[in-house]
Amino acid sequence: MPPPADDDAASRADLAGRADAHAAVPLLNCLLREVAEPLPGPARPDGPRTYRLPHSRRLLRVRGARRPTAPEVHTAGSWRRLTHAELVKLVAEELRRHTGRSNYELPAEMLDSRDAVAALLAARDRADPPDGLYPRSEQSLLTGHTHHPAPKARGGGPAAGWLPYAPEAYARFPLALLGVREDTLVDEGDTAALDRLGAAPPGYRLLPAHPWQLDLAADDLAPAFADGRLLRLGETPWPVWPTAAVRTVHAPAEDLFLKFSLDVRITNDIRRLWRHDLARLRVTDTAVRDAFADGPAGGAWLSDRGHRTADFAFEQLAVVVRDGFRGRLVPGATPCLAAALVEGFAGDPLAATDRPAAWWEAYLARVVPPALAAFHRHGVVLEAHLQNTLIAVDADGMPVQALYRDAEGVKLLASPHRPGGPPTVTREAGWERLVYCLVVNHLMEIAAALADHHPGLDPWPAVRRELARHDLPEIPALLTAPTLPAKTNLLLRWTAADGADARYRPLPNPLSGH
């Protein structure tokens, strides 16, 4: 018997309200950090916070600091609650005035991101979360990037096309297996793990493919299937599950991660495996592996050890082979995605610990030294942000190891030992990027979550102590600077800047007041 109409309407309204609330958080974080001007604080610590939008002269108020909610605009002498769609219009108006430029693509992405959240919420209501702490952490990010205007946008296509592959919906699916004619194969690095996924007929090599990837590239690949350059060989006998990165999947049966090419914009970039990035992957990954081999104990690197594709669809069919955990994870430890500690999930060790000060000191002692040593000793700038860092915990939930991943985001400092290698950055630019990724994107967010869950704890003296232990010439200035560099994802996307063209604005430095 179908539910009563009133119940159905109430359910839809509840879903819409939850989707609006989740989608508003990162968009408000961007607006308040990059554009808005804070007005004097609330009379009560838990009261609303008011901001002026300087170009449209509107007043906006929200509740909460780390996760702002309930946006209201001051109109006709009173405060009026904004839906997410109304918030998007308000942001677009302010940015048009602020930059002198129009942008019709980004507001559509913001709305797509909110609609994707609604689809994910509905899917979650019908699904069970993963049993293991690690997959549960990777698939927990319903809100996502804390400071991005459209973190859950999926290219604007219907949800039916991407929802079966969404980590946030607890997806599991087999990979498609293709045969690539040997004379068209492009193979670099250690890709032997791919040949163990199945069997290819004589004259062909095996190439796994993400089902969504094949759907997106179907028209372009049709001629290769027709003339025999590509064969369909079925699918893996076991499922994989997508990590928070969406296009990277974990194959537990093979102890392997595979990163695929998707022609979809997710956060700032089209997530295609670009030829120029693949060309420098081995050099970059080798530099990081060398840095970790010579680095402090307690850190590990999940190597992007090779890639395979076809020369007639180089970027569309590319797949990167990444290390699994065997031989890299501390025995008895369980990894967790750092970003999940910020958003929260069932079993979250940050929230559960009854020793928050000791937990935080252990976390810092695992996460900070490998990143600073790689930079100072080897000129390697890790993209040490929340989604590229795993923190392994012991049976008591205490951090015992940090694992970093994703060579594509790594930058290398200019060095006479790297002549003719991949593009490099200056030490100053590399340090700015590391401070943003490690301190602003990562440690500031973990510290705020820790303080929310454990009131009374001041996390910043411990961060100062950990940073001060390291003999880098940049550390004294970092500890005393009035501001830190915060990436401006909203303005970057509004002005259509390249996703890798980071732009920063000064953010008050919590280290300088301790």
Protein backbone atom coordinates (compact mmCIF):
# COMPACT_ATOMS: atom_id res chain seq x y z
CA MET A 1 0.00 0.00 0.00
CA PRO A 2 1.56 3.37 -0.95
CA PRO A 3 2.30 5.88 1.84
CA PRO A 4 -0.26 8.64 2.41
CA ALA A 5 0.26 11.73 0.27
CA ASP A 6 0.94 13.90 3.32
CA ASP A 7 3.71 11.55 4.47
CA ASP A 8 5.24 11.55 1.00
CA ALA A 9 5.22 15.35 0.85
CA ALA A 10 6.75 15.58 4.31
CA SER A 11 9.48 13.13 3.29
CA ARG A 12 10.30 15.18 0.19
CA ALA A 13 10.39 18.38 2.23
CA ASP A 14 12.70 16.76 4.78
CA LEU A 15 15.02 15.55 2.03
CA ALA A 16 15.08 19.00 0.42
CA GLY A 17 15.85 20.65 3.74
CA ARG A 18 18.69 18.26 4.50
CA ALA A 19 20.15 18.73 1.01
CA ASP A 20 19.98 22.52 1.34
CA ALA A 21 21.71 22.39 4.72
CA HIS A 22 24.56 20.14 3.54
CA ALA A 23 25.13 22.11 0.33
CA ALA A 24 25.08 25.49 2.07
CA VAL A 25 27.97 24.71 4.42
CA PRO A 26 30.93 24.77 1.99
CA LEU A 27 29.42 27.55 -0.12
CA LEU A 28 28.99 29.76 2.95
CA ASN A 29 32.52 28.90 4.09
CA CYS A 30 33.85 30.16 0.74
CA LEU A 31 31.75 33.33 0.76
CA LEU A 32 32.62 34.23 4.34
CA ARG A 33 36.34 33.57 3.90
CA GLU A 34 36.87 35.15 0.48
CA VAL A 35 34.42 38.05 0.18
CA ALA A 36 32.27 38.88 3.22
CA GLU A 37 33.22 41.32 5.99
CA PRO A 38 32.48 40.16 9.55
CA LEU A 39 30.60 42.56 11.80
CA PRO A 40 30.94 42.68 15.61
CA GLY A 41 30.30 39.28 17.17
CA PRO A 42 27.09 37.91 18.72
CA ALA A 43 26.02 38.73 22.22
CA ARG A 44 26.12 34.99 23.00
CA PRO A 45 28.82 32.54 21.84
CA ASP A 46 26.14 30.37 20.24
CA GLY A 47 24.31 33.30 18.65
CA PRO A 48 24.19 34.17 14.95
CA ARG A 49 27.18 35.79 13.27
CA THR A 50 26.56 38.73 10.95
CA TYR A 51 28.50 39.70 7.82
CA ARG A 52 28.31 42.47 5.26
CA LEU A 53 28.60 41.66 1.57
CA PRO A 54 30.63 44.74 0.58
CA HIS A 55 29.61 45.08 -3.07
CA SER A 56 25.89 44.37 -2.91
CA ARG A 57 25.70 45.96 0.59
CA ARG A 58 23.53 43.11 1.84
CA LEU A 59 23.67 41.83 5.42
CA LEU A 60 23.96 38.07 5.88
CA ARG A 61 23.87 36.12 9.10
CA VAL A 62 24.55 32.48 9.85
CA ARG A 63 24.80 30.18 12.83
CA GLY A 64 27.95 28.28 13.63
CA ALA A 65 31.57 28.92 12.68
CA ARG A 66 33.16 25.74 11.33
CA ARG A 67 29.94 24.55 9.68
CA PRO A 68 27.81 27.65 9.08
CA THR A 69 24.10 26.95 8.76
CA ALA A 70 20.73 28.69 8.51
CA PRO A 71 21.73 31.61 6.22
CA GLU A 72 19.49 34.66 6.48
CA VAL A 73 19.48 37.94 4.59
CA HIS A 74 18.29 41.26 6.02
CA THR A 75 15.39 42.54 3.94
CA ALA A 76 12.76 45.23 4.65
CA GLY A 77 13.80 45.55 8.27
CA SER A 78 13.78 41.84 9.15
CA TRP A 79 15.77 38.66 8.64
CA ARG A 80 14.59 36.16 6.03
CA ARG A 81 15.82 32.57 5.75
CA LEU A 82 17.42 31.64 2.41
CA THR A 83 16.96 28.44 0.51
CA HIS A 84 20.06 27.08 -1.19
CA ALA A 85 18.86 28.38 -4.58
CA GLU A 86 18.39 31.86 -3.09
CA LEU A 87 21.84 31.67 -1.52
CA VAL A 88 23.33 30.84 -4.93
CA LYS A 89 21.65 33.92 -6.43
CA LEU A 90 22.95 36.09 -3.59
CA VAL A 91 26.50 34.79 -4.05
CA ALA A 92 26.35 35.26 -7.83
CA GLU A 93 25.17 38.86 -7.48
CA GLU A 94 27.96 39.65 -5.04
CA LEU A 95 30.62 38.05 -7.22
CA ARG A 96 29.46 39.87 -10.35
CA ARG A 97 29.87 43.15 -8.51
CA HIS A 98 33.10 42.06 -6.86
CA THR A 99 34.88 40.91 -10.03
CA GLY A 100 33.09 42.82 -12.76
CA ARG A 101 32.59 39.48 -14.53
CA SER A 102 29.61 37.26 -15.18
CA ASN A 103 29.70 33.50 -14.84
CA TYR A 104 26.75 31.27 -15.73
CA GLU A 105 28.56 27.96 -15.34
CA LEU A 106 29.44 28.12 -11.64
CA PRO A 107 25.91 28.87 -10.32
CA ALA A 108 24.70 25.88 -12.34
CA GLU A 109 27.41 23.77 -10.71
CA MET A 110 26.34 24.98 -7.26
CA LEU A 111 22.77 23.91 -7.97
CA ASP A 112 24.00 20.61 -9.44
CA SER A 113 26.05 20.00 -6.30
CA ARG A 114 22.98 20.53 -4.11
CA ASP A 115 20.87 18.23 -6.30
CA ALA A 116 23.61 15.61 -6.14
CA VAL A 117 23.50 15.81 -2.34
CA ALA A 118 19.75 15.21 -2.45
CA ALA A 119 20.26 12.15 -4.66
CA LEU A 120 22.97 10.87 -2.33
CA LEU A 121 20.81 11.35 0.75
CA ALA A 122 17.97 9.44 -0.87
CA ALA A 123 20.35 6.64 -1.88
CA ARG A 124 21.80 6.46 1.63
CA ASP A 125 18.34 6.09 3.11
CA ARG A 126 18.07 2.82 1.15
CA ALA A 127 21.62 1.50 1.70
CA ASP A 128 23.80 0.21 4.51
CA PRO A 129 27.18 1.83 5.19
CA PRO A 130 30.34 -0.27 4.83
CA ASP A 131 31.31 -2.46 7.76
CA GLY A 132 35.00 -1.55 7.90
CA LEU A 133 36.30 1.66 9.46
CA TYR A 134 38.50 2.45 6.46
CA PRO A 135 35.88 2.17 3.67
CA ARG A 136 33.35 3.88 5.93
CA SER A 137 35.71 6.84 6.30
CA GLU A 138 36.40 7.10 2.54
CA GLN A 139 32.69 6.98 1.73
CA SER A 140 31.47 9.36 4.45
CA LEU A 141 31.92 12.74 2.76
CA LEU A 142 28.38 13.87 2.10
CA THR A 143 29.28 17.55 2.49
CA GLY A 144 32.79 17.19 1.10
CA HIS A 145 35.43 19.85 0.59
CA THR A 146 34.94 22.32 3.44
CA HIS A 147 35.72 25.40 1.31
CA HIS A 148 34.45 24.74 -2.19
CA PRO A 149 31.29 26.23 -3.72
CA ALA A 150 30.15 23.04 -5.47
CA PRO A 151 31.99 20.04 -3.98
CA LYS A 152 29.44 17.43 -5.03
CA ALA A 153 28.76 18.54 -8.61
CA ARG A 154 28.92 15.60 -11.02
CA GLY A 155 28.95 17.27 -14.42
CA GLY A 156 25.26 18.15 -14.57
CA GLY A 157 24.17 14.77 -15.89
CA PRO A 158 21.22 12.78 -14.52
CA ALA A 159 21.88 11.05 -11.22
CA ALA A 160 21.15 7.67 -12.79
CA GLY A 161 24.37 8.00 -14.79
CA TRP A 162 26.72 8.51 -11.83
CA LEU A 163 24.93 7.38 -8.67
CA PRO A 164 25.87 3.68 -9.08
CA TYR A 165 29.53 4.73 -8.81
CA ALA A 166 29.26 7.33 -6.01
CA PRO A 167 31.32 6.70 -2.87
CA GLU A 168 28.89 8.79 -0.83
CA ALA A 169 26.12 6.31 -1.75
CA TYR A 170 28.26 3.36 -0.56
CA ALA A 171 28.72 2.09 -4.11
CA ARG A 172 30.25 -1.28 -4.99
CA PHE A 173 30.65 -2.42 -8.61
CA PRO A 174 32.86 -4.61 -10.81
CA LEU A 175 35.31 -3.07 -13.25
CA ALA A 176 34.93 -3.59 -16.97
CA LEU A 177 37.78 -5.56 -18.54
CA LEU A 178 38.97 -4.60 -22.01
CA GLY A 179 41.48 -6.13 -24.37
CA VAL A 180 43.74 -3.57 -26.07
CA ARG A 181 45.55 -4.64 -29.23
CA GLU A 182 49.24 -4.87 -28.37
CA ASP A 183 50.46 -2.59 -31.14
CA THR A 184 48.33 0.24 -29.68
CA LEU A 185 49.24 -0.33 -26.03
CA VAL A 186 51.00 2.38 -24.01
CA ASP A 187 52.53 0.96 -20.84
CA GLU A 188 54.87 2.75 -18.44
CA GLY A 189 56.22 1.78 -15.04
CA ASP A 190 55.14 -1.23 -13.01
CA THR A 191 51.69 -2.24 -14.29
CA ALA A 192 52.02 -6.01 -13.78
CA ALA A 193 49.09 -5.97 -11.35
CA LEU A 194 46.74 -5.21 -14.25
CA ASP A 195 47.60 -8.46 -16.03
CA ARG A 196 46.47 -10.39 -12.95
CA LEU A 197 42.93 -9.01 -13.17
CA GLY A 198 41.92 -11.41 -15.96
CA ALA A 199 43.03 -13.02 -19.22
CA ALA A 200 43.44 -11.36 -22.63
CA PRO A 201 43.47 -13.28 -25.94
CA PRO A 202 46.68 -13.53 -28.01
CA GLY A 203 47.75 -10.21 -29.46
CA TYR A 204 45.96 -8.21 -26.75
CA ARG A 205 46.75 -6.88 -23.26
CA LEU A 206 44.32 -6.42 -20.41
CA LEU A 207 43.06 -2.95 -19.51
CA PRO A 208 40.50 -2.39 -16.73
CA ALA A 209 38.00 0.43 -17.17
CA HIS A 210 35.63 2.27 -14.88
CA PRO A 211 32.04 1.70 -16.10
CA TRP A 212 31.25 5.42 -15.86
CA GLN A 213 34.39 6.16 -17.84
CA LEU A 214 33.16 3.88 -20.64
CA ASP A 215 29.72 5.47 -20.61
CA LEU A 216 31.22 8.95 -20.93
CA ALA A 217 33.54 7.95 -23.78
CA ALA A 218 31.15 5.58 -25.59
CA ASP A 219 30.85 7.56 -28.83
CA ASP A 220 34.60 8.17 -29.11
CA LEU A 221 35.47 4.52 -28.45
CA ALA A 222 32.87 2.98 -30.77
CA PRO A 223 35.23 2.89 -33.82
CA ALA A 224 37.92 1.06 -31.82
CA PHE A 225 35.44 -1.61 -30.73
CA ALA A 226 34.19 -1.91 -34.31
CA ASP A 227 37.64 -2.44 -35.89
CA GLY A 228 39.05 -4.71 -33.17
CA ARG A 229 41.52 -2.39 -31.49
CA LEU A 230 39.39 -2.86 -28.35
CA LEU A 231 37.61 -5.97 -27.11
CA ARG A 232 35.10 -6.36 -24.29
CA LEU A 233 36.30 -9.18 -22.04
CA GLY A 234 33.65 -9.07 -19.31
CA GLU A 235 34.27 -7.73 -15.83
CA THR A 236 36.15 -8.50 -12.65
CA PRO A 237 34.71 -11.37 -10.60
CA TRP A 238 34.85 -9.21 -7.47
CA PRO A 239 33.64 -5.66 -6.80
CA VAL A 240 35.73 -2.59 -6.15
CA TRP A 241 34.59 0.40 -4.15
CA PRO A 242 35.23 4.08 -4.92
CA THR A 243 37.27 6.17 -2.52
CA ALA A 244 36.44 9.80 -1.68
CA ALA A 245 38.23 10.85 -4.88
CA VAL A 246 35.38 9.25 -6.93
CA ARG A 247 37.60 8.17 -9.86
CA THR A 248 40.00 6.17 -7.65
CA VAL A 249 38.80 2.75 -6.54
CA HIS A 250 40.06 0.23 -4.02
CA ALA A 251 40.27 -3.42 -5.00
CA PRO A 252 40.67 -5.17 -1.62
CA ALA A 253 40.91 -8.61 -3.23
CA GLU A 254 44.04 -7.48 -5.09
CA ASP A 255 45.35 -5.04 -2.42
CA LEU A 256 45.38 -2.37 -5.09
CA PHE A 257 44.15 1.12 -5.88
CA LEU A 258 43.35 2.13 -9.46
CA LYS A 259 42.90 5.71 -10.62
CA PHE A 260 40.81 6.25 -13.75
CA SER A 261 40.16 9.08 -16.19
CA LEU A 262 36.75 10.78 -16.00
CA ASP A 263 35.65 13.62 -18.25
CA VAL A 264 33.70 15.21 -15.42
CA ARG A 265 34.45 18.35 -13.43
CA ILE A 266 34.76 17.44 -9.77
CA THR A 267 35.62 20.44 -7.57
CA ASN A 268 38.12 22.57 -9.55
CA ASP A 269 39.19 20.29 -12.38
CA ILE A 270 38.04 18.01 -15.16
CA ARG A 271 39.18 14.68 -13.75
CA ARG A 272 40.79 13.38 -16.91
CA LEU A 273 44.24 11.81 -16.65
CA TRP A 274 45.98 14.37 -18.81
CA ARG A 275 48.88 13.33 -21.03
CA HIS A 276 51.22 15.95 -19.56
CA ASP A 277 50.52 14.73 -16.01
CA LEU A 278 51.06 11.10 -16.98
CA ALA A 279 54.32 12.01 -18.73
CA ARG A 280 55.86 13.29 -15.49
CA LEU A 281 54.26 10.76 -13.14
CA ARG A 282 57.21 8.38 -12.85
CA VAL A 283 59.73 11.13 -12.16
CA THR A 284 57.49 12.71 -9.54
CA ASP A 285 56.57 9.43 -7.88
CA THR A 286 60.22 8.34 -7.78
CA ALA A 287 61.16 11.61 -6.06
CA VAL A 288 58.49 11.05 -3.41
CA ARG A 289 59.45 7.41 -2.87
CA ASP A 290 63.08 8.44 -2.38
CA ALA A 291 62.01 11.13 0.08
CA PHE A 292 59.98 8.69 2.16
CA ALA A 293 62.70 6.04 2.07
CA ASP A 294 65.02 8.63 3.63
CA GLY A 295 62.36 10.24 5.79
CA PRO A 296 61.35 9.96 9.45
CA ALA A 297 59.66 6.84 10.75
CA GLY A 298 55.88 6.87 10.94
CA GLY A 299 55.15 7.97 7.38
CA ALA A 300 54.39 5.97 4.25
CA TRP A 301 53.79 6.75 0.57
CA LEU A 302 51.26 4.91 -1.59
CA SER A 303 53.18 4.90 -4.85
CA ASP A 304 51.60 5.61 -8.23
CA ARG A 305 53.85 2.97 -9.72
CA GLY A 306 52.75 2.96 -13.37
CA HIS A 307 50.04 3.60 -15.91
CA ARG A 308 48.54 1.86 -18.94
CA THR A 309 46.37 3.09 -21.80
CA ALA A 310 45.84 2.91 -25.58
CA ASP A 311 47.52 5.30 -28.01
CA PHE A 312 44.24 6.07 -29.83
CA ALA A 313 42.47 7.10 -26.58
CA PHE A 314 45.46 8.06 -24.47
CA GLU A 315 43.71 10.17 -21.86
CA GLN A 316 40.25 8.63 -21.99
CA LEU A 317 41.36 5.05 -21.27
CA ALA A 318 44.28 5.77 -18.95
CA VAL A 319 44.51 3.98 -15.61
CA VAL A 320 47.12 4.56 -12.89
CA VAL A 321 48.23 1.67 -10.68
CA ARG A 322 48.66 2.68 -7.03
CA ASP A 323 50.08 0.68 -4.14
CA GLY A 324 47.79 -1.05 -1.70
CA PHE A 325 48.46 -1.30 2.03
CA ARG A 326 50.41 -4.58 2.20
CA GLY A 327 53.91 -3.93 3.48
CA ARG A 328 53.19 -0.25 4.05
CA LEU A 329 50.66 -0.15 6.85
CA VAL A 330 51.79 -0.59 10.46
CA PRO A 331 50.72 -4.09 11.59
CA GLY A 332 47.44 -4.04 13.46
CA ALA A 333 46.60 -0.47 12.42
CA THR A 334 43.52 0.69 10.53
CA PRO A 335 43.69 3.64 8.11
CA CYS A 336 41.13 6.44 8.12
CA LEU A 337 40.71 9.27 5.64
CA ALA A 338 41.71 12.54 7.30
CA ALA A 339 38.85 14.42 5.62
CA ALA A 340 36.37 12.06 7.29
CA LEU A 341 37.61 13.14 10.72
CA VAL A 342 36.48 16.68 9.87
CA GLU A 343 33.04 15.68 8.58
CA GLY A 344 32.49 12.89 11.12
CA PHE A 345 31.34 9.31 10.61
CA ALA A 346 30.36 6.27 12.63
CA GLY A 347 33.38 5.16 14.63
CA ASP A 348 35.29 8.42 14.09
CA PRO A 349 38.38 8.07 16.35
CA LEU A 350 38.74 11.86 16.71
CA ALA A 351 35.29 12.16 18.25
CA ALA A 352 35.57 8.95 20.28
CA THR A 353 38.89 9.53 22.04
CA ASP A 354 38.78 10.24 25.76
CA ARG A 355 42.35 11.59 25.62
CA PRO A 356 42.05 14.40 23.06
CA ALA A 357 45.31 16.17 23.95
CA ALA A 358 47.36 12.97 23.66
CA TRP A 359 45.47 11.98 20.51
CA TRP A 360 46.26 15.34 18.89
CA GLU A 361 49.95 15.19 19.80
CA ALA A 362 50.16 11.69 18.30
CA TYR A 363 48.36 12.88 15.17
CA LEU A 364 50.74 15.80 14.67
CA ALA A 365 53.79 13.62 15.31
CA ARG A 366 52.73 11.31 12.45
CA VAL A 367 51.43 13.81 9.92
CA VAL A 368 53.84 16.76 10.12
CA PRO A 369 57.39 15.27 10.05
CA PRO A 370 57.11 13.35 6.73
CA ALA A 371 55.75 16.39 4.90
CA LEU A 372 58.38 18.79 6.26
CA ALA A 373 61.26 16.35 5.72
CA ALA A 374 60.23 15.67 2.12
CA PHE A 375 60.17 19.42 1.45
CA HIS A 376 63.40 20.36 3.23
CA ARG A 377 65.61 17.40 2.38
CA HIS A 378 64.32 16.42 -1.05
CA GLY A 379 62.49 19.40 -2.51
CA VAL A 380 59.21 17.49 -2.64
CA VAL A 381 56.01 19.43 -1.98
CA LEU A 382 53.35 16.94 -0.94
CA GLU A 383 49.73 17.83 -1.59
CA ALA A 384 49.17 17.06 2.08
CA HIS A 385 45.53 18.08 2.23
CA LEU A 386 42.70 16.21 3.90
CA GLN A 387 41.74 13.95 1.00
CA ASN A 388 45.31 12.87 0.26
CA THR A 389 46.16 11.92 3.84
CA LEU A 390 45.25 8.72 5.64
CA ILE A 391 45.84 8.45 9.37
CA ALA A 392 46.25 4.92 10.70
CA VAL A 393 45.04 4.25 14.23
CA ASP A 394 45.65 1.39 16.64
CA ALA A 395 42.99 -0.65 18.42
CA ASP A 396 42.43 2.22 20.87
CA GLY A 397 41.96 4.78 18.08
CA MET A 398 45.33 6.44 18.70
CA PRO A 399 47.21 7.68 15.59
CA VAL A 400 50.26 5.55 14.81
CA GLN A 401 51.05 6.33 11.15
CA ALA A 402 50.35 8.77 8.32
CA LEU A 403 50.04 7.59 4.73
CA TYR A 404 50.14 10.04 1.83
CA ARG A 405 48.98 9.51 -1.75
CA ASP A 406 48.51 11.06 -5.22
CA ALA A 407 51.71 11.88 -7.13
CA GLU A 408 49.70 13.96 -9.61
CA GLY A 409 49.33 16.75 -7.04
CA VAL A 410 52.98 16.73 -5.94
CA LYS A 411 55.23 19.65 -6.88
CA LEU A 412 59.04 19.52 -7.07
CA LEU A 413 61.40 22.33 -6.18
CA ALA A 414 63.87 23.57 -8.77
CA SER A 415 67.17 21.72 -8.37
CA PRO A 416 70.37 21.13 -10.36
CA HIS A 417 69.74 17.43 -9.77
CA ARG A 418 66.55 17.62 -11.88
CA PRO A 419 67.73 19.05 -15.20
CA GLY A 420 65.28 18.50 -18.02
CA GLY A 421 62.77 16.93 -15.66
CA PRO A 422 59.18 17.89 -14.94
CA PRO A 423 58.24 21.53 -14.31
CA THR A 424 59.42 22.80 -10.95
CA VAL A 425 58.46 25.58 -8.55
CA THR A 426 60.56 27.95 -6.47
CA ARG A 427 61.12 27.17 -2.82
CA GLU A 428 58.98 30.19 -1.88
CA ALA A 429 56.07 29.04 -4.03
CA GLY A 430 56.47 25.45 -2.85
CA TRP A 431 56.46 26.51 0.80
CA GLU A 432 53.31 28.59 0.29
CA ARG A 433 51.58 25.59 -1.26
CA LEU A 434 52.72 23.27 1.52
CA VAL A 435 51.54 25.68 4.21
CA TYR A 436 48.15 25.93 2.54
CA CYS A 437 47.75 22.16 2.07
CA LEU A 438 49.19 21.00 5.39
CA VAL A 439 48.32 23.81 7.80
CA VAL A 440 45.29 25.65 6.40
CA ASN A 441 43.43 22.90 4.54
CA HIS A 442 44.45 20.09 6.87
CA LEU A 443 45.55 20.96 10.41
CA MET A 444 43.22 23.95 10.84
CA GLU A 445 40.23 21.79 9.93
CA ILE A 446 41.24 18.86 12.14
CA ALA A 447 41.99 21.26 15.02
CA ALA A 448 38.56 22.89 14.70
CA ALA A 449 36.79 19.53 14.64
CA LEU A 450 38.77 18.39 17.67
CA ALA A 451 37.86 21.56 19.59
CA ASP A 452 34.19 21.10 18.68
CA HIS A 453 34.12 17.53 19.94
CA HIS A 454 36.26 18.23 23.02
CA PRO A 455 35.37 21.68 24.40
CA GLY A 456 38.09 23.35 26.43
CA LEU A 457 40.96 21.93 24.39
CA ASP A 458 43.17 24.54 22.72
CA PRO A 459 44.83 22.63 19.85
CA TRP A 460 47.30 25.31 18.73
CA PRO A 461 50.08 25.14 21.39
CA ALA A 462 50.67 21.52 20.37
CA VAL A 463 50.90 22.54 16.69
CA ARG A 464 53.45 25.23 17.56
CA ARG A 465 55.55 22.73 19.53
CA GLU A 466 55.49 20.19 16.71
CA LEU A 467 56.46 22.72 14.03
CA ALA A 468 59.17 24.27 16.23
CA ARG A 469 60.92 20.89 16.48
CA HIS A 470 61.84 21.05 12.79
CA ASP A 471 64.90 22.94 11.63
CA LEU A 472 63.53 24.61 8.51
CA PRO A 473 64.43 28.23 7.81
CA GLU A 474 60.77 29.02 7.10
CA ILE A 475 59.43 27.80 10.45
CA PRO A 476 60.16 30.91 12.61
CA ALA A 477 58.29 33.14 10.16
CA LEU A 478 55.41 30.66 9.99
CA LEU A 479 55.03 30.75 13.77
CA THR A 480 54.94 34.56 13.94
CA ALA A 481 53.28 35.61 10.66
CA PRO A 482 49.97 37.43 11.17
CA THR A 483 48.36 35.55 8.30
CA LEU A 484 48.42 32.26 6.41
CA PRO A 485 47.61 31.66 2.71
CA ALA A 486 44.05 30.40 2.11
CA LYS A 487 43.12 29.16 -1.35
CA THR A 488 40.23 31.09 -2.91
CA ASN A 489 38.24 28.32 -4.57
CA LEU A 490 35.12 30.45 -5.05
CA LEU A 491 36.92 33.31 -6.78
CA LEU A 492 39.15 30.89 -8.69
CA ARG A 493 36.12 29.14 -10.15
CA TRP A 494 34.18 32.37 -10.74
CA THR A 495 37.03 33.88 -12.78
CA ALA A 496 37.51 30.57 -14.66
CA ALA A 497 41.14 30.23 -13.60
CA ASP A 498 42.88 26.93 -14.20
CA GLY A 499 42.35 24.53 -11.32
CA ALA A 500 46.09 24.24 -10.72
CA ASP A 501 46.51 28.03 -10.71
CA ALA A 502 46.11 28.46 -6.97
CA ARG A 503 45.34 31.92 -5.67
CA TYR A 504 45.52 32.78 -2.02
CA ARG A 505 44.14 35.38 0.33
CA PRO A 506 45.46 36.09 3.84
CA LEU A 507 43.75 34.29 6.70
CA PRO A 508 44.46 35.09 10.40
CA ASN A 509 47.22 32.82 11.64
CA PRO A 510 46.16 30.85 14.75
CA LEU A 511 49.81 29.97 15.40
CA SER A 512 50.90 33.56 16.03
CA GLY A 513 48.69 34.07 19.08
CA HIS A 514 50.14 31.19 21.13
